[in-house]
Protein backbone atom coordinates (compact mmCIF):
# COMPACT_ATOMS: atom_id res chain seq x y z
CA MET A 1 -8.85 25.45 25.79
CA SER A 2 -8.29 25.02 29.52
CA ILE A 3 -5.22 26.47 31.25
CA SER A 4 -3.85 22.98 31.97
CA THR A 5 -4.29 21.95 28.31
CA PHE A 6 -2.62 25.18 27.17
CA PHE A 7 0.44 24.64 29.38
CA LYS A 8 0.66 20.96 28.41
CA SER A 9 0.70 22.02 24.76
CA LEU A 10 3.50 24.51 25.48
CA ILE A 11 5.54 21.84 27.27
CA ASP A 12 4.98 19.34 24.43
CA ASP A 13 6.09 21.94 21.87
CA PHE A 14 9.20 22.74 23.94
CA ILE A 15 10.18 19.05 24.28
CA TYR A 16 9.52 18.46 20.58
CA THR A 17 11.79 21.42 19.68
CA ILE A 18 14.66 20.48 22.00
CA PHE A 19 14.44 16.69 21.55
CA PRO A 20 12.99 16.05 18.10
CA SER A 21 12.62 12.47 16.96
CA LEU A 22 13.77 11.46 13.53
CA CYS A 23 11.61 10.64 10.53
CA LEU A 24 10.99 6.88 10.55
CA MET A 25 11.51 6.66 6.81
CA CYS A 26 14.65 8.68 6.04
CA ASN A 27 16.02 8.71 9.62
CA GLU A 28 17.27 12.25 9.02
CA ASP A 29 14.72 15.03 9.16
CA GLN A 30 12.36 16.01 11.93
CA PRO A 31 8.89 14.51 11.49
CA VAL A 32 5.75 16.57 11.15
CA LYS A 33 4.30 17.29 14.60
CA ASP A 34 2.15 14.38 15.84
CA GLY A 35 3.38 12.32 12.88
CA ILE A 36 6.16 9.87 12.10
CA LEU A 37 7.41 11.19 8.74
CA CYS A 38 9.02 14.45 7.68
CA PHE A 39 7.40 16.73 5.10
CA HIS A 40 9.69 15.49 2.35
CA CYS A 41 8.92 11.80 2.95
CA LEU A 42 5.20 12.47 3.30
CA SER A 43 5.13 14.30 -0.03
CA SER A 44 7.17 11.62 -1.81
CA LEU A 45 5.21 8.54 -0.71
CA PRO A 46 4.63 6.21 -3.71
CA LEU A 47 0.85 6.11 -3.37
CA THR A 48 -1.20 3.78 -5.53
CA ASP A 49 -4.51 4.64 -7.18
CA HIS A 50 -6.15 1.43 -5.97
CA PHE A 51 -8.86 3.12 -3.93
CA GLU A 52 -10.04 5.06 -7.00
CA ILE A 53 -9.86 2.21 -9.54
CA ARG A 54 -11.93 -0.97 -9.33
CA GLU A 55 -9.66 -3.10 -11.53
CA ASN A 56 -6.19 -2.65 -10.05
CA ASP A 57 -3.06 -4.74 -9.66
CA ALA A 58 -3.93 -5.68 -6.07
CA LEU A 59 -7.21 -7.28 -7.11
CA GLU A 60 -5.50 -8.97 -10.06
CA HIS A 61 -3.50 -11.13 -7.62
CA PHE A 62 -6.71 -12.96 -6.66
CA GLU A 63 -8.63 -13.14 -9.93
CA GLY A 64 -9.26 -16.71 -11.00
CA ARG A 65 -8.05 -17.99 -7.62
CA ILE A 66 -10.51 -16.85 -4.97
CA GLN A 67 -13.56 -14.58 -4.78
CA ILE A 68 -12.41 -11.26 -3.33
CA SER A 69 -14.88 -8.37 -3.55
CA GLN A 70 -12.24 -5.65 -3.71
CA ALA A 71 -8.55 -5.25 -2.95
CA ALA A 72 -6.24 -2.27 -2.55
CA SER A 73 -2.80 -1.36 -1.29
CA LEU A 74 -1.84 2.10 -0.08
CA LEU A 75 1.80 2.22 -1.26
CA TYR A 76 4.09 0.68 -3.83
CA PHE A 77 7.42 -0.70 -2.70
CA GLN A 78 10.40 -2.27 -4.35
CA LYS A 79 13.62 -3.81 -3.10
CA ASP A 80 16.10 -1.48 -1.37
CA SER A 81 13.62 1.41 -1.35
CA ASP A 82 12.69 3.74 1.50
CA ILE A 83 9.35 1.95 1.77
CA GLN A 84 11.07 -1.39 2.23
CA ASN A 85 13.14 0.20 5.00
CA LEU A 86 9.93 1.54 6.56
CA LEU A 87 8.31 -1.91 6.46
CA HIS A 88 11.45 -3.49 7.94
CA ASN A 89 11.34 -0.98 10.80
CA LEU A 90 7.68 -1.86 11.41
CA LYS A 91 8.19 -5.59 11.30
CA TYR A 92 11.53 -6.09 13.02
CA LYS A 93 12.66 -2.87 14.74
CA GLY A 94 9.81 -2.32 17.17
CA GLN A 95 8.55 0.85 15.49
CA ASP A 96 4.90 -0.05 15.96
CA SER A 97 3.64 3.51 15.39
CA ILE A 98 4.24 2.95 11.67
CA GLY A 99 1.43 0.40 11.56
CA THR A 100 -1.14 2.58 13.30
CA PHE A 101 -0.19 5.67 11.29
CA PHE A 102 -0.57 3.99 7.92
CA GLY A 103 -3.69 2.12 9.03
CA GLN A 104 -5.27 5.51 9.61
CA ARG A 105 -4.14 6.66 6.14
CA ILE A 106 -5.72 3.54 4.61
CA ALA A 107 -8.98 4.32 6.42
CA GLU A 108 -8.98 7.88 5.06
CA LYS A 109 -8.66 6.46 1.54
CA MET A 110 -11.44 3.95 2.21
CA GLU A 111 -13.80 6.69 3.36
CA LYS A 112 -13.51 8.37 -0.05
CA SER A 113 -13.64 5.17 -2.09
CA PRO A 114 -16.86 3.79 -3.64
CA TYR A 115 -15.41 0.27 -3.53
CA PHE A 116 -15.04 -0.30 0.21
CA VAL A 117 -18.57 0.22 1.48
CA ASN A 118 -19.66 -0.92 4.94
CA PRO A 119 -17.23 -3.60 6.12
CA ASP A 120 -18.62 -5.17 9.28
CA VAL A 121 -15.42 -6.45 10.81
CA ILE A 122 -11.64 -6.08 10.36
CA VAL A 123 -9.55 -9.25 10.46
CA PRO A 124 -5.74 -8.93 10.48
CA ILE A 125 -3.61 -11.71 9.04
CA PRO A 126 -2.39 -13.50 12.17
CA ILE A 127 1.13 -14.56 13.02
CA HIS A 128 2.03 -17.51 15.21
CA THR A 129 1.99 -16.85 18.96
CA LYS A 130 5.68 -17.75 19.25
CA LYS A 131 6.60 -15.17 16.61
CA GLU A 132 4.33 -12.56 18.21
CA ARG A 133 5.94 -13.06 21.61
CA ILE A 134 9.37 -12.46 20.11
CA ARG A 135 8.29 -9.42 18.07
CA GLY A 136 5.99 -7.99 20.73
CA TYR A 137 3.08 -7.40 18.36
CA ASN A 138 1.49 -8.42 15.08
CA GLN A 139 2.16 -5.69 12.51
CA SER A 140 -1.08 -6.48 10.65
CA THR A 141 -3.08 -5.96 13.85
CA LEU A 142 -1.46 -2.54 14.28
CA ILE A 143 -2.58 -1.57 10.76
CA ALA A 144 -6.06 -2.96 11.48
CA ASN A 145 -6.24 -0.94 14.69
CA GLY A 146 -5.33 2.22 12.79
CA ILE A 147 -8.16 1.57 10.33
CA SER A 148 -10.53 0.92 13.23
CA ASP A 149 -9.53 4.19 14.91
CA VAL A 150 -10.93 6.11 11.95
CA LEU A 151 -13.80 3.95 10.69
CA LYS A 152 -14.97 2.66 14.10
CA ILE A 153 -15.21 -0.90 12.80
CA PRO A 154 -14.33 -3.65 15.29
CA VAL A 155 -11.11 -5.60 14.94
CA VAL A 156 -11.45 -9.35 15.53
CA ASP A 157 -8.04 -10.98 15.94
CA ASP A 158 -8.89 -14.09 17.94
CA VAL A 159 -10.97 -16.14 15.50
CA LEU A 160 -8.63 -16.59 12.55
CA ILE A 161 -5.37 -17.84 14.08
CA LYS A 162 -2.00 -19.04 12.79
CA SER A 163 -1.84 -22.56 14.20
CA THR A 164 1.42 -23.55 12.46
CA ASN A 165 4.64 -21.58 12.78
CA THR A 166 5.73 -21.45 9.14
CA GLY A 167 9.13 -20.15 8.07
CA SER A 168 9.98 -17.01 6.14
CA GLN A 169 8.49 -16.74 2.65
CA THR A 170 10.85 -14.07 1.35
CA SER A 171 12.83 -16.33 -0.98
CA LEU A 172 9.93 -18.53 -2.10
CA HIS A 173 8.03 -18.47 -5.40
CA ARG A 174 4.25 -18.18 -5.35
CA SER A 175 3.51 -21.92 -5.57
CA GLU A 176 6.02 -22.55 -2.79
CA ARG A 177 4.44 -19.83 -0.65
CA VAL A 178 0.98 -21.33 -1.06
CA LYS A 179 2.30 -24.76 -0.08
CA ASN A 180 4.16 -23.22 2.88
CA VAL A 181 1.04 -21.62 4.40
CA THR A 182 -1.61 -24.18 3.37
CA ASN A 183 -3.27 -25.61 6.50
CA SER A 184 -1.40 -23.12 8.70
CA PHE A 185 -4.55 -21.09 9.53
CA GLU A 186 -7.45 -22.19 11.71
CA ILE A 187 -10.92 -20.81 12.45
CA LEU A 188 -11.88 -21.07 16.13
CA ASP A 189 -15.53 -20.04 15.74
CA GLN A 190 -17.28 -20.92 12.48
CA SER A 191 -20.28 -18.70 13.32
CA ALA A 192 -18.22 -15.54 13.99
CA PHE A 193 -18.38 -14.06 10.48
CA SER A 194 -21.56 -15.55 9.03
CA GLY A 195 -23.25 -13.02 6.72
CA ARG A 196 -20.68 -10.33 7.49
CA HIS A 197 -18.45 -8.27 5.20
CA ILE A 198 -14.86 -9.02 6.26
CA LEU A 199 -12.02 -6.58 5.66
CA LEU A 200 -8.86 -8.70 5.62
CA VAL A 201 -5.70 -6.73 6.45
CA ASP A 202 -1.99 -7.45 5.92
CA ASP A 203 1.21 -5.44 5.74
CA VAL A 204 2.53 -6.37 2.28
CA LEU A 205 0.98 -7.92 -0.83
CA THR A 206 3.74 -9.74 -2.72
CA THR A 207 2.25 -12.81 -4.42
CA GLY A 208 -1.02 -12.85 -2.48
CA ALA A 209 -0.45 -16.44 -1.34
CA THR A 210 -0.89 -15.81 2.39
CA LEU A 211 -3.99 -13.67 1.89
CA GLU A 212 -5.48 -16.24 -0.48
CA VAL A 213 -5.07 -19.14 1.96
CA ALA A 214 -6.40 -17.05 4.86
CA ALA A 215 -9.40 -15.93 2.79
CA GLN A 216 -10.15 -19.55 1.88
CA GLN A 217 -10.42 -20.33 5.58
CA LEU A 218 -12.64 -17.30 6.19
CA LEU A 219 -14.97 -18.36 3.36
CA THR A 220 -15.83 -21.47 5.35
CA CYS A 221 -17.59 -19.08 7.78
CA ASN A 222 -20.03 -18.00 5.01
CA PRO A 223 -19.32 -14.26 5.10
CA SER A 224 -21.30 -11.96 2.79
CA LYS A 225 -18.01 -10.97 1.12
CA ILE A 226 -14.30 -10.43 1.74
CA SER A 227 -12.31 -7.33 0.85
CA VAL A 228 -8.55 -6.94 1.23
CA VAL A 229 -6.31 -3.98 2.07
CA THR A 230 -2.58 -3.87 2.65
CA LEU A 231 -0.11 -1.17 3.54
CA ALA A 232 2.06 -1.89 0.50
CA ILE A 233 2.25 -3.92 -2.69
CA ALA A 234 5.42 -5.10 -4.40
CA ARG A 235 6.09 -3.77 -7.90
């Protein structure tokens, strides 16, 4: 370690001690150094077993509807839970580090899983440009970038686009969600994913309607297969 690196580390440690940030999940305790969550929240994360089990409740959302090679979510969430608060902070409160952090955790799970072998490209579920300008980022792209940081797989976020600015789907049933997003996605380059294994990424898997419609568009590009990962899945 160089002298400059040593002193920078000392200064960082001093600042972290005097001005600690708060855990982005409980908003109370000090997060683990270089992390976003405290030890308690890290140890209590409601992790799924999706990356170890081929037939899981993420994949079940798509069976009989569309051909998805494999699907997995990292966390379970339910209404009024800490995870829902975490996702709200990611989506609406500008806490973009949540997306990158959990994208990296997803990638670590993928590395150990026999079911997510050799994706060629990562495609985040897009949001409309108007919505992205207001929010400042696409949360699914942040998660995709975190996965890419670890797995060194390129993120392509300019081929599948959201051409229609659809409203919130929170209060809609599955059939209504499908209708709401049908024809809202567009492929700008039909040759972009030909013969390639696409890893489709989103923040939350609720009914699977958005992912299903997006995957249907991607299938028109003749990929070799499509896999799906999300940060969380609703119980």
